[in-house]
Amino acid sequence: MVKRKIVWSNRAKIKLFGILEFYTERNKSSTYSKILYKKFTKELLLLKKQPEIGIKTDFKNVRGLIIDEFILFYETYPEMIVVHSVWDCRQNPESLIIK
C-alpha cells in the first residue's frame, strides 16, 4: 500500500481557517470549529487509504470528498493527496474556485 501524505494548498488553508474562524465568532466558542476540524482530519485519513472515494468532478483527476455540508476538493498523486479547496455547499456556486 502506498503511503500518501496530505498536502493543503494555500487556497485550501485560507478557506479552512476562514470557515473555522467564522463558526468560532458566530458561536462565541471554538467547540464546533474543533469538532469540524477533527471531522475533516478523520475523513482525510480515510482518504489516504481509499483515495477514489470522492466524487468525480469536471476537472481531470480532481475529486470531491463530501463531509456534512462541505466538500474537500482534492487531487491524488503517487506520494501525496493535494487538497485544493474547501467548499461550504450553502454558498453561491458561482464563486467556487477549485484550482
Protein backbone atom coordinates (compact mmCIF):
# COMPACT_ATOMS: atom_id res chain seq x y z
CA MET A 1 0.00 0.00 0.00
CA VAL A 2 1.26 3.46 -0.91
CA LYS A 3 1.92 5.88 1.96
CA ARG A 4 0.47 9.19 0.80
CA LYS A 5 0.95 12.50 2.53
CA ILE A 6 -1.87 15.05 2.79
CA VAL A 7 -0.83 18.47 1.47
CA TRP A 8 -3.07 21.53 1.81
CA SER A 9 -2.77 24.20 -0.88
CA ASN A 10 -2.62 27.82 0.25
CA ARG A 11 -6.16 28.39 -1.03
CA ALA A 12 -7.45 25.39 0.92
CA LYS A 13 -5.72 26.55 4.13
CA ILE A 14 -7.20 30.04 3.78
CA LYS A 15 -10.70 28.64 3.15
CA LEU A 16 -10.41 26.16 6.02
CA PHE A 17 -9.27 28.73 8.56
CA GLY A 18 -11.90 31.17 7.30
CA ILE A 19 -14.63 28.60 7.90
CA LEU A 20 -13.30 27.68 11.35
CA GLU A 21 -12.95 31.34 12.30
CA PHE A 22 -16.49 32.09 11.09
CA TYR A 23 -18.01 29.42 13.33
CA THR A 24 -15.86 30.45 16.29
CA GLU A 25 -17.04 34.05 16.00
CA ARG A 26 -20.66 33.19 15.25
CA ASN A 27 -20.98 30.68 18.10
CA LYS A 28 -18.79 32.68 20.52
CA SER A 29 -16.99 29.39 21.15
CA SER A 30 -14.41 27.26 19.36
CA THR A 31 -16.13 23.97 20.23
CA TYR A 32 -17.88 23.46 16.88
CA SER A 33 -14.77 24.55 14.95
CA LYS A 34 -12.69 21.95 16.78
CA ILE A 35 -15.28 19.25 16.07
CA LEU A 36 -15.39 20.23 12.40
CA TYR A 37 -11.58 20.23 12.11
CA LYS A 38 -11.41 16.76 13.71
CA LYS A 39 -14.05 15.52 11.28
CA PHE A 40 -12.04 16.83 8.31
CA THR A 41 -8.88 15.22 9.67
CA LYS A 42 -10.61 11.88 10.24
CA GLU A 43 -12.06 11.81 6.73
CA LEU A 44 -8.69 12.73 5.20
CA LEU A 45 -7.10 9.75 6.98
CA LEU A 46 -9.71 7.54 5.34
CA LEU A 47 -8.94 9.22 2.03
CA LYS A 48 -5.26 8.24 2.39
CA LYS A 49 -6.35 4.59 2.42
CA GLN A 50 -9.04 4.90 -0.26
CA PRO A 51 -8.29 7.91 -2.49
CA GLU A 52 -11.02 7.07 -5.00
CA ILE A 53 -13.94 7.51 -2.57
CA GLY A 54 -14.55 11.13 -3.54
CA ILE A 55 -16.99 12.08 -6.27
CA LYS A 56 -15.62 12.88 -9.72
CA THR A 57 -15.65 16.50 -10.87
CA ASP A 58 -15.45 18.19 -14.26
CA PHE A 59 -11.72 18.75 -13.65
CA LYS A 60 -9.43 15.92 -14.68
CA ASN A 61 -8.08 13.99 -11.65
CA VAL A 62 -9.90 16.25 -9.15
CA ARG A 63 -12.41 14.64 -6.81
CA GLY A 64 -14.66 15.98 -4.08
CA LEU A 65 -14.96 14.45 -0.63
CA ILE A 66 -18.33 15.33 0.92
CA ILE A 67 -18.24 15.95 4.67
CA ASP A 68 -21.58 17.13 6.04
CA GLU A 69 -22.33 20.38 4.14
CA PHE A 70 -18.74 20.80 2.94
CA ILE A 71 -16.76 19.43 0.02
CA LEU A 72 -12.98 18.99 0.09
CA PHE A 73 -11.68 19.12 -3.48
CA TYR A 74 -8.50 17.11 -3.87
CA GLU A 75 -6.15 15.57 -6.39
CA THR A 76 -4.28 12.30 -5.93
CA TYR A 77 -0.62 11.79 -6.81
CA PRO A 78 1.56 8.72 -6.17
CA GLU A 79 3.12 10.16 -2.99
CA MET A 80 0.56 12.74 -1.91
CA ILE A 81 -3.01 13.96 -1.90
CA VAL A 82 -3.35 17.69 -2.51
CA VAL A 83 -6.40 19.40 -1.03
CA HIS A 84 -7.14 22.28 -3.42
CA SER A 85 -10.17 23.85 -1.77
CA VAL A 86 -12.77 23.55 0.97
CA TRP A 87 -16.27 24.49 -0.10
CA ASP A 88 -19.34 25.19 2.01
CA CYS A 89 -22.19 23.94 -0.17
CA ARG A 90 -24.53 26.65 1.17
CA GLN A 91 -22.58 29.36 -0.69
CA ASN A 92 -23.18 30.76 -4.15
CA PRO A 93 -21.74 28.18 -6.57
CA GLU A 94 -20.66 30.91 -9.00
CA SER A 95 -17.89 31.92 -6.58
CA LEU A 96 -16.41 28.41 -6.41
CA ILE A 97 -12.71 28.21 -7.35
CA ILE A 98 -11.17 24.76 -7.16
CA LYS A 99 -7.65 25.13 -8.54
